Amino acid sequence: MPAPFSSSRSTPGSFISTQRAVSRRQFLRGAGIVMSLPFLDSMLPAFARADTKRANAKPRRMLGICNNLGLLPDQFFPKQTGRGYALSPYLELLKEHREDFTVFSGVWHPDVDGGHPADICFLTAAPHPGSGGFRNTISLDQYIAERVGHQTRFPSLTLGVNVQQGVRSLSWTGSGALIPCEEKPSDVFKRLFVQGTPAEVAAQMRKLAQGQSILDAVGSQAKDLQRSVGARDRDRLDQYFTSVRELEQRMEMSKEWETRPKPHVTAPVPLDPASPKEYMDKVRIMYDMARLAFQTDSTRSISLLLDSVNSPTIDLDHDVKITDGYHNLSHHGRSEGKIAQLKAIDQWHMRLLANLFNDLKAIQEDGESLFDRTMVLYGSNLGNANTHVTTNLPTLFAGGGFRHGQHLGFDPTHNYPLPNLFVSMLQRMGLETDKFATSTGTMRGLEMAG
């Protein structure tokens, strides 16, 4: 019987190793003895040992938030770098958390240009999104979901506020397919916590089984085709087979979760804001949904697109009355009236972010706060919405087990790659990778906490 081994075919940054595992039978034969040995770690394939180690580790989580109209740069970026910097006007609204976040300036996604279309690359960093023939790459949240998603009921959640459906999303598969955003908080809540009737569960199980049988049929036809095509097409078909197998495995895991009771929470089903004008209420409730999902360990990877470009004249409970659409305000042309309205909107974003941090800190998990185990990335694809530039992106990174309390300022002319932060985040998740998209390493100056 040949020794089991793991495939050498793997995605970049995966755990799969080509190291051959020790066969228990071969070990006994080689020793020339007949006896019963305990099952040793060295008898496991390398990828199985890694998976066991990850399963026993403390859960780490990621929430990626993109406001696709950004923030007023002069109000967001501090003037000093390092620790002990003076807080900017916007960061003053987060001052109680200043030791728990890091602010970045002088960062960008290399060659991600095109203005507004760049929001779909916020978590992918795929270059030139506005060019003809552009094809997106896997997003950070889905990279995480592919590797740890089997540990929770939902591998990931893709959320949105006022999103232009079918066009905008932060979440993209490895094949470059858009994952639609869920916009109704009540639907998100029901998916997370409302148990279906026995008939509904059975119907869902049938759908999963039917979907798997369709995949089997398509896979069989594709294998017949593979025998009659050239080497390049065979490689493409092999990638297809790999994705089919991965989808089948996810469907099989979905069937297992369908039979398990959903977690119980005391929170009521949220009321969905009736109008896109209730933008800030939508943001607040989506933050609540993300917190509840993490609190119940229903998922460990969430993306949230705040589609400000697609938002109308929004309502604010504020002294400043908003008189124009969010997008039109962003093109302020230095109008004092428009800038005053944008400041009021941006300040509300900072207040809601502060509330999210407070809520995450209030929840304890095995002696640590949920905030300490949750990486919150808040930023934008635009450095300045007024001019559509995609450099010097306003970026704030909080929680998740890092040494924060600093402003890491990089060259404002020759920006530093933001995907380096993604590599640091993946490593904090326990994923053994040193590359994501256009990264050149881990984020310089950012250290993990003990």
Protein backbone atom coordinates (compact mmCIF):
# COMPACT_ATOMS: atom_id res chain seq x y z
CA MET A 1 0.00 0.00 0.00
CA PRO A 2 1.64 3.33 -1.02
CA ALA A 3 2.08 6.02 1.59
CA PRO A 4 -0.55 8.75 1.55
CA PHE A 5 0.65 12.09 0.29
CA SER A 6 -0.78 15.51 -0.39
CA SER A 7 -1.13 16.93 -3.85
CA SER A 8 1.55 19.30 -5.06
CA ARG A 9 -1.13 21.36 -6.81
CA SER A 10 -2.18 24.22 -4.55
CA THR A 11 -3.27 27.80 -4.58
CA PRO A 12 -0.73 30.49 -3.68
CA GLY A 13 -0.24 30.68 0.06
CA SER A 14 -2.11 27.44 0.81
CA PHE A 15 -1.02 25.02 3.51
CA ILE A 16 -0.79 22.00 1.25
CA SER A 17 2.67 20.47 1.29
CA THR A 18 4.26 17.91 -0.99
CA GLN A 19 6.04 16.27 1.95
CA ARG A 20 5.18 12.56 2.08
CA ALA A 21 3.62 11.46 5.35
CA VAL A 22 4.86 8.48 7.34
CA SER A 23 2.76 5.37 6.58
CA ARG A 24 1.94 3.41 9.71
CA ARG A 25 2.11 0.11 7.83
CA GLN A 26 5.44 0.95 6.22
CA PHE A 27 6.82 1.99 9.60
CA LEU A 28 5.95 -1.41 11.08
CA ARG A 29 7.34 -3.26 8.09
CA GLY A 30 10.57 -1.29 8.25
CA ALA A 31 10.99 -2.05 11.93
CA GLY A 32 10.48 -5.77 11.28
CA ILE A 33 8.09 -6.10 14.18
CA VAL A 34 4.40 -6.70 14.77
CA MET A 35 2.98 -4.50 17.49
CA SER A 36 0.37 -1.83 18.03
CA LEU A 37 1.63 1.74 17.96
CA PRO A 38 -0.26 4.90 18.89
CA PHE A 39 -1.17 7.12 15.94
CA LEU A 40 1.68 9.63 15.79
CA ASP A 41 1.60 13.19 14.43
CA SER A 42 4.21 12.18 11.86
CA MET A 43 1.74 9.65 10.45
CA LEU A 44 -0.58 12.48 9.42
CA PRO A 45 -0.16 14.26 6.11
CA ALA A 46 1.40 17.68 6.59
CA PHE A 47 -1.79 19.54 5.60
CA ALA A 48 -3.85 17.52 8.10
CA ARG A 49 -1.46 18.44 10.93
CA ALA A 50 -1.75 22.10 9.96
CA ASP A 51 -5.54 21.91 9.87
CA THR A 52 -5.66 20.29 13.34
CA LYS A 53 -3.41 23.00 14.70
CA ARG A 54 -5.59 25.74 13.22
CA ALA A 55 -8.80 24.17 14.53
CA ASN A 56 -7.45 24.27 18.11
CA ALA A 57 -6.19 27.86 17.87
CA LYS A 58 -8.13 30.87 19.14
CA PRO A 59 -10.55 32.16 16.51
CA ARG A 60 -9.43 35.23 14.55
CA ARG A 61 -11.78 37.31 12.47
CA MET A 62 -11.72 39.98 9.75
CA LEU A 63 -14.17 42.77 8.90
CA GLY A 64 -13.27 44.77 5.79
CA ILE A 65 -15.21 48.02 5.29
CA CYS A 66 -14.95 50.27 2.24
CA ASN A 67 -16.61 53.67 1.94
CA ASN A 68 -16.22 54.26 -1.78
CA LEU A 69 -16.31 58.06 -1.44
CA GLY A 70 -13.60 58.13 1.19
CA LEU A 71 -13.03 60.91 3.70
CA LEU A 72 -11.83 64.50 3.49
CA PRO A 73 -8.04 63.99 3.62
CA ASP A 74 -7.15 67.12 5.62
CA GLN A 75 -9.67 66.13 8.30
CA PHE A 76 -8.56 62.49 8.51
CA PHE A 77 -4.76 62.30 8.26
CA PRO A 78 -2.68 63.32 11.31
CA LYS A 79 0.12 65.82 10.73
CA GLN A 80 2.65 63.86 12.81
CA THR A 81 3.72 60.24 12.41
CA GLY A 82 4.74 57.59 14.92
CA ARG A 83 3.33 57.23 18.41
CA GLY A 84 2.10 60.17 20.42
CA TYR A 85 0.86 61.96 17.29
CA ALA A 86 -1.78 64.66 17.60
CA LEU A 87 -5.17 63.30 16.60
CA SER A 88 -6.75 64.76 13.48
CA PRO A 89 -10.28 66.23 13.72
CA TYR A 90 -11.90 62.96 12.57
CA LEU A 91 -9.70 60.76 14.76
CA GLU A 92 -10.65 62.90 17.79
CA LEU A 93 -14.01 61.14 17.55
CA LEU A 94 -12.14 57.85 18.12
CA LYS A 95 -9.84 59.13 20.86
CA GLU A 96 -10.97 56.64 23.50
CA HIS A 97 -9.65 53.90 21.20
CA ARG A 98 -6.45 55.61 20.04
CA GLU A 99 -4.21 52.88 21.48
CA ASP A 100 -6.27 50.24 19.68
CA PHE A 101 -5.96 51.38 16.07
CA THR A 102 -3.27 52.29 13.55
CA VAL A 103 -3.78 54.94 10.91
CA PHE A 104 -1.92 54.74 7.59
CA SER A 105 -1.05 57.42 5.06
CA GLY A 106 0.93 57.22 1.84
CA VAL A 107 -0.48 53.79 0.92
CA TRP A 108 -2.18 52.52 -2.24
CA HIS A 109 -2.97 49.45 -4.28
CA PRO A 110 -0.26 49.51 -6.97
CA ASP A 111 -1.72 50.28 -10.42
CA VAL A 112 -5.32 50.20 -9.17
CA ASP A 113 -6.57 53.24 -11.03
CA GLY A 114 -9.75 54.35 -12.77
CA GLY A 115 -11.42 56.36 -10.00
CA HIS A 116 -14.80 54.98 -8.94
CA PRO A 117 -14.36 51.50 -10.52
CA ALA A 118 -11.50 50.94 -8.08
CA ASP A 119 -13.91 50.10 -5.25
CA ILE A 120 -14.33 46.55 -6.57
CA CYS A 121 -10.56 46.13 -6.04
CA PHE A 122 -10.49 47.35 -2.43
CA LEU A 123 -10.02 43.79 -1.13
CA THR A 124 -8.46 42.30 -4.29
CA ALA A 125 -5.84 44.89 -5.36
CA ALA A 126 -6.24 43.71 -8.97
CA PRO A 127 -4.68 46.38 -11.22
CA HIS A 128 -6.39 48.58 -13.84
CA PRO A 129 -10.08 47.91 -13.03
CA GLY A 130 -11.23 50.45 -15.59
CA SER A 131 -9.40 48.87 -18.52
CA GLY A 132 -11.06 46.83 -21.24
CA GLY A 133 -11.01 43.11 -20.59
CA PHE A 134 -10.37 43.60 -16.85
CA ARG A 135 -10.90 40.50 -14.76
CA ASN A 136 -10.90 40.68 -10.99
CA THR A 137 -8.99 38.35 -8.67
CA ILE A 138 -9.82 36.77 -5.33
CA SER A 139 -10.68 39.17 -2.52
CA LEU A 140 -9.11 39.05 0.91
CA ASP A 141 -12.32 37.90 2.61
CA GLN A 142 -12.74 35.02 0.16
CA TYR A 143 -9.10 34.02 0.46
CA ILE A 144 -9.74 33.66 4.18
CA ALA A 145 -13.08 31.90 3.63
CA GLU A 146 -11.51 29.29 1.37
CA ARG A 147 -9.06 28.35 4.11
CA VAL A 148 -10.95 28.64 7.40
CA GLY A 149 -14.57 28.93 6.27
CA HIS A 150 -15.28 25.25 6.96
CA GLN A 151 -14.93 25.96 10.69
CA THR A 152 -18.12 28.06 10.81
CA ARG A 153 -21.68 27.83 9.49
CA PHE A 154 -21.02 30.55 6.92
CA PRO A 155 -17.58 30.72 5.27
CA SER A 156 -18.11 34.46 4.81
CA LEU A 157 -20.72 37.21 4.68
CA THR A 158 -20.86 39.82 1.91
CA LEU A 159 -22.80 42.86 3.10
CA GLY A 160 -23.64 46.20 1.55
CA VAL A 161 -25.38 49.52 2.07
CA ASN A 162 -27.18 51.14 -0.91
CA VAL A 163 -25.19 48.92 -3.26
CA GLN A 164 -25.61 49.00 -7.02
CA GLN A 165 -26.45 45.30 -7.28
CA GLY A 166 -24.70 43.17 -9.86
CA VAL A 167 -22.05 45.84 -10.41
CA ARG A 168 -20.47 46.66 -7.07
CA SER A 169 -19.14 44.30 -4.39
CA LEU A 170 -16.02 43.86 -2.27
CA SER A 171 -16.17 40.06 -2.51
CA TRP A 172 -14.81 38.18 -5.54
CA THR A 173 -14.10 34.51 -6.10
CA GLY A 174 -10.82 33.02 -7.26
CA SER A 175 -12.19 32.91 -10.80
CA GLY A 176 -13.03 36.63 -10.69
CA ALA A 177 -16.80 36.29 -10.19
CA LEU A 178 -18.70 38.93 -8.20
CA ILE A 179 -20.43 37.78 -5.00
CA PRO A 180 -23.60 39.89 -4.56
CA CYS A 181 -24.04 41.96 -1.40
CA GLU A 182 -26.80 41.27 1.08
CA GLU A 183 -28.48 44.59 1.82
CA LYS A 184 -31.47 43.76 4.02
CA PRO A 185 -30.44 43.42 7.68
CA SER A 186 -33.55 41.35 8.42
CA ASP A 187 -32.54 38.78 5.79
CA VAL A 188 -29.01 38.63 7.22
CA PHE A 189 -30.43 38.13 10.71
CA LYS A 190 -32.77 35.36 9.57
CA ARG A 191 -29.95 33.55 7.76
CA LEU A 192 -27.82 33.72 10.89
CA PHE A 193 -30.32 32.94 13.62
CA VAL A 194 -33.80 31.90 12.48
CA GLN A 195 -34.14 28.14 12.29
CA GLY A 196 -36.18 26.84 9.37
CA THR A 197 -39.05 24.42 9.83
CA PRO A 198 -38.30 20.70 9.26
CA ALA A 199 -39.90 21.01 5.83
CA GLU A 200 -37.73 24.03 4.94
CA VAL A 201 -34.58 22.24 6.10
CA ALA A 202 -35.52 19.19 4.02
CA ALA A 203 -36.12 21.39 0.99
CA GLN A 204 -32.74 23.03 1.41
CA MET A 205 -31.09 19.61 1.70
CA ARG A 206 -32.75 18.56 -1.56
CA LYS A 207 -31.48 21.71 -3.28
CA LEU A 208 -27.96 20.98 -2.09
CA ALA A 209 -28.18 17.38 -3.26
CA GLN A 210 -29.57 18.45 -6.64
CA GLY A 211 -26.82 21.02 -7.06
CA GLN A 212 -24.20 18.41 -6.30
CA SER A 213 -25.66 15.97 -8.82
CA ILE A 214 -25.56 18.69 -11.50
CA LEU A 215 -21.91 19.31 -10.72
CA ASP A 216 -21.22 15.58 -11.05
CA ALA A 217 -22.88 15.50 -14.47
CA VAL A 218 -21.05 18.57 -15.75
CA GLY A 219 -17.77 17.25 -14.37
CA SER A 220 -18.26 13.95 -16.22
CA GLN A 221 -18.89 15.76 -19.52
CA ALA A 222 -15.85 17.97 -19.01
CA LYS A 223 -13.64 14.93 -18.42
CA ASP A 224 -14.74 13.50 -21.76
CA LEU A 225 -13.81 16.81 -23.37
CA GLN A 226 -10.40 16.83 -21.70
CA ARG A 227 -9.27 13.81 -23.70
CA SER A 228 -9.62 15.68 -27.00
CA VAL A 229 -8.06 19.10 -26.28
CA GLY A 230 -4.57 20.52 -26.19
CA ALA A 231 -2.28 21.00 -23.19
CA ARG A 232 -3.32 24.60 -22.51
CA ASP A 233 -7.00 23.71 -22.49
CA ARG A 234 -6.28 20.70 -20.29
CA ASP A 235 -4.73 23.06 -17.74
CA ARG A 236 -7.85 25.21 -17.84
CA LEU A 237 -10.06 22.18 -17.41
CA ASP A 238 -7.91 21.00 -14.53
CA GLN A 239 -8.51 24.36 -12.82
CA TYR A 240 -12.19 23.85 -13.48
CA PHE A 241 -12.13 20.37 -11.90
CA THR A 242 -10.39 21.80 -8.87
CA SER A 243 -13.05 24.49 -8.43
CA VAL A 244 -15.82 21.91 -8.90
CA ARG A 245 -14.32 19.66 -6.25
CA GLU A 246 -13.99 22.62 -3.87
CA LEU A 247 -17.61 23.59 -4.49
CA GLU A 248 -18.75 20.01 -3.87
CA GLN A 249 -16.86 19.98 -0.59
CA ARG A 250 -18.46 23.26 0.47
CA MET A 251 -21.89 21.90 -0.45
CA GLU A 252 -21.24 18.79 1.61
CA MET A 253 -20.30 20.95 4.60
CA SER A 254 -23.40 23.06 4.02
CA LYS A 255 -25.54 19.92 4.35
CA GLU A 256 -23.95 19.20 7.71
CA TRP A 257 -24.66 22.71 8.98
CA GLU A 258 -28.29 22.51 7.83
CA THR A 259 -28.94 19.80 10.41
CA ARG A 260 -27.38 21.72 13.30
CA PRO A 261 -29.43 24.19 15.36
CA LYS A 262 -28.62 27.84 14.75
CA PRO A 263 -27.35 29.94 17.68
CA HIS A 264 -29.90 31.70 19.87
CA VAL A 265 -29.62 35.45 20.43
CA THR A 266 -31.80 37.77 22.47
CA ALA A 267 -31.68 40.55 19.88
CA PRO A 268 -34.88 40.96 17.85
CA VAL A 269 -35.08 40.78 14.08
CA PRO A 270 -33.98 44.25 12.92
CA LEU A 271 -36.32 46.57 11.09
CA ASP A 272 -35.04 47.35 7.61
CA PRO A 273 -34.70 51.10 6.93
CA ALA A 274 -37.32 51.98 4.37
CA SER A 275 -35.33 54.42 2.26
CA PRO A 276 -31.76 54.77 0.92
CA LYS A 277 -31.84 58.18 2.61
CA GLU A 278 -31.59 56.36 5.95
CA TYR A 279 -27.99 55.61 5.06
CA MET A 280 -26.47 55.97 8.53
CA ASP A 281 -29.15 53.75 10.08
CA LYS A 282 -28.29 51.11 7.50
CA VAL A 283 -24.59 51.36 8.35
CA ARG A 284 -25.29 51.09 12.08
CA ILE A 285 -27.49 48.01 11.67
CA MET A 286 -24.99 46.29 9.37
CA TYR A 287 -22.30 46.86 12.00
CA ASP A 288 -24.67 45.18 14.48
CA MET A 289 -25.14 42.22 12.12
CA ALA A 290 -21.37 41.83 11.74
CA ARG A 291 -20.89 41.94 15.52
CA LEU A 292 -23.60 39.33 16.11
CA ALA A 293 -22.16 37.07 13.43
CA PHE A 294 -18.72 37.22 15.07
CA GLN A 295 -20.13 36.95 18.59
CA THR A 296 -21.85 33.66 17.72
CA ASP A 297 -18.87 32.48 15.64
CA SER A 298 -21.19 32.11 12.66
CA THR A 299 -18.44 33.34 10.34
CA ARG A 300 -14.94 34.76 10.58
CA SER A 301 -14.79 36.77 7.39
CA ILE A 302 -17.07 39.69 6.48
CA SER A 303 -16.91 42.39 3.82
CA LEU A 304 -19.09 45.50 3.91
CA LEU A 305 -19.37 47.92 1.00
CA LEU A 306 -20.77 51.35 1.84
CA ASP A 307 -21.83 52.40 -1.64
CA SER A 308 -21.88 56.14 -1.07
CA VAL A 309 -21.66 56.74 -4.83
CA ASN A 310 -25.09 55.13 -5.18
CA SER A 311 -26.62 57.02 -2.24
CA PRO A 312 -29.06 59.95 -2.53
CA THR A 313 -29.39 63.01 -0.34
CA ILE A 314 -29.10 61.28 3.02
CA ASP A 315 -30.81 62.11 6.31
CA LEU A 316 -28.62 63.09 9.27
CA ASP A 317 -29.64 63.72 12.84
CA HIS A 318 -27.32 66.70 12.90
CA ASP A 319 -27.25 70.49 12.96
CA VAL A 320 -26.00 70.53 9.37
CA LYS A 321 -28.76 69.80 6.84
CA ILE A 322 -27.74 67.69 3.83
CA THR A 323 -29.07 69.29 0.64
CA ASP A 324 -27.45 67.27 -2.15
CA GLY A 325 -26.63 63.69 -3.09
CA TYR A 326 -23.59 62.11 -1.43
CA HIS A 327 -21.76 61.72 -4.76
CA ASN A 328 -22.39 65.32 -5.82
CA LEU A 329 -21.15 66.57 -2.46
CA SER A 330 -17.91 64.64 -2.89
CA HIS A 331 -17.18 66.75 -5.98
CA HIS A 332 -17.20 69.83 -3.79
CA GLY A 333 -14.92 72.03 -5.91
CA ARG A 334 -13.80 73.66 -2.63
CA SER A 335 -17.33 74.91 -1.97
CA GLU A 336 -17.49 75.71 1.75
CA GLY A 337 -21.14 74.68 1.91
CA LYS A 338 -20.52 71.28 0.37
CA ILE A 339 -17.40 70.68 2.48
CA ALA A 340 -19.37 71.48 5.65
CA GLN A 341 -21.96 68.85 4.69
CA LEU A 342 -19.25 66.29 3.90
CA LYS A 343 -17.64 66.92 7.29
CA ALA A 344 -20.96 66.23 8.99
CA ILE A 345 -21.32 62.95 7.07
CA ASP A 346 -17.73 61.87 7.72
CA GLN A 347 -18.08 62.64 11.43
CA TRP A 348 -21.10 60.34 11.60
CA HIS A 349 -19.01 57.59 10.01
CA MET A 350 -16.39 58.03 12.73
CA ARG A 351 -19.01 57.97 15.50
CA LEU A 352 -20.52 54.75 14.16
CA LEU A 353 -17.06 53.22 13.94
CA ALA A 354 -16.39 54.21 17.57
CA ASN A 355 -19.67 52.55 18.60
CA LEU A 356 -18.67 49.37 16.74
CA PHE A 357 -15.35 49.29 18.61
CA ASN A 358 -17.17 49.77 21.93
CA ASP A 359 -19.59 46.96 21.15
CA LEU A 360 -16.79 44.56 20.18
CA LYS A 361 -14.85 45.43 23.33
CA ALA A 362 -17.91 44.72 25.52
CA ILE A 363 -18.05 41.06 24.46
CA GLN A 364 -15.73 38.57 26.13
CA GLU A 365 -14.53 35.32 24.58
CA ASP A 366 -12.32 33.02 26.67
CA GLY A 367 -10.83 35.90 28.65
CA GLU A 368 -10.29 38.22 25.67
CA SER A 369 -12.54 40.81 24.11
CA LEU A 370 -14.09 40.14 20.73
CA PHE A 371 -12.30 43.31 19.60
CA ASP A 372 -8.91 41.74 20.39
CA ARG A 373 -9.76 38.86 18.06
CA THR A 374 -11.36 40.92 15.29
CA MET A 375 -9.35 42.86 12.70
CA VAL A 376 -11.36 45.84 11.49
CA LEU A 377 -10.10 47.42 8.26
CA TYR A 378 -11.79 50.73 7.38
CA GLY A 379 -10.82 52.62 4.26
CA SER A 380 -11.57 53.64 0.72
CA ASN A 381 -10.55 53.08 -2.86
CA LEU A 382 -10.25 56.87 -3.31
CA GLY A 383 -7.63 59.06 -1.70
CA ASN A 384 -9.64 62.13 -2.67
CA ALA A 385 -13.13 61.72 -4.16
CA ASN A 386 -13.10 65.31 -5.41
CA THR A 387 -10.30 64.47 -7.87
CA HIS A 388 -10.85 60.70 -8.22
CA VAL A 389 -7.24 59.90 -7.23
CA THR A 390 -6.55 56.35 -6.02
CA THR A 391 -3.35 57.17 -4.14
CA ASN A 392 -2.78 58.07 -0.48
CA LEU A 393 -5.79 56.04 0.59
CA PRO A 394 -7.32 56.92 4.00
CA THR A 395 -6.87 53.70 5.94
CA LEU A 396 -7.59 52.82 9.55
CA PHE A 397 -6.85 49.39 11.01
CA ALA A 398 -8.07 48.40 14.46
CA GLY A 399 -8.10 45.49 16.91
CA GLY A 400 -7.22 41.93 15.99
CA GLY A 401 -4.13 41.42 18.15
CA PHE A 402 -1.67 44.03 16.87
CA ARG A 403 0.42 46.71 18.60
CA HIS A 404 -1.53 49.82 17.65
CA GLY A 405 -1.53 53.46 18.79
CA GLN A 406 0.49 54.88 15.92
CA HIS A 407 0.38 56.70 12.60
CA LEU A 408 2.43 54.88 9.98
CA GLY A 409 3.15 57.50 7.33
CA PHE A 410 4.75 56.47 4.05
CA ASP A 411 5.96 58.45 1.05
CA PRO A 412 3.02 60.57 -0.18
CA THR A 413 4.45 60.64 -3.71
CA HIS A 414 5.74 57.09 -4.11
CA ASN A 415 3.16 55.20 -2.09
CA TYR A 416 3.71 52.01 -0.13
CA PRO A 417 1.68 48.89 -1.12
CA LEU A 418 -1.42 48.44 1.01
CA PRO A 419 -1.58 44.70 0.12
CA ASN A 420 1.33 44.31 2.54
CA LEU A 421 -1.23 44.93 5.28
CA PHE A 422 -3.31 42.09 3.85
CA VAL A 423 -0.34 39.72 4.22
CA SER A 424 0.03 40.75 7.88
CA MET A 425 -3.69 40.18 8.39
CA LEU A 426 -3.54 36.73 6.80
CA GLN A 427 -0.62 35.76 9.00
CA ARG A 428 -2.53 36.97 12.07
CA MET A 429 -5.35 34.65 10.94
CA GLY A 430 -2.83 31.82 11.17
CA LEU A 431 -2.46 31.42 7.41
CA GLU A 432 1.06 30.67 6.27
CA THR A 433 1.51 33.02 3.35
CA ASP A 434 3.94 35.77 2.42
CA LYS A 435 2.14 37.06 -0.68
CA PHE A 436 -1.19 38.56 -1.63
CA ALA A 437 -1.82 40.35 -4.93
CA THR A 438 0.86 43.04 -5.42
CA SER A 439 2.34 42.81 -1.93
CA THR A 440 6.08 42.96 -1.35
CA GLY A 441 6.04 41.51 2.17
CA THR A 442 4.30 42.25 5.44
CA MET A 443 3.30 45.76 6.55
CA ARG A 444 6.43 47.61 7.68
CA GLY A 445 6.16 49.02 11.20
CA LEU A 446 3.12 46.96 12.22
CA GLU A 447 3.76 44.29 14.83
CA MET A 448 1.57 41.55 16.23
CA ALA A 449 0.75 41.64 19.93
CA GLY A 450 1.73 38.70 22.09
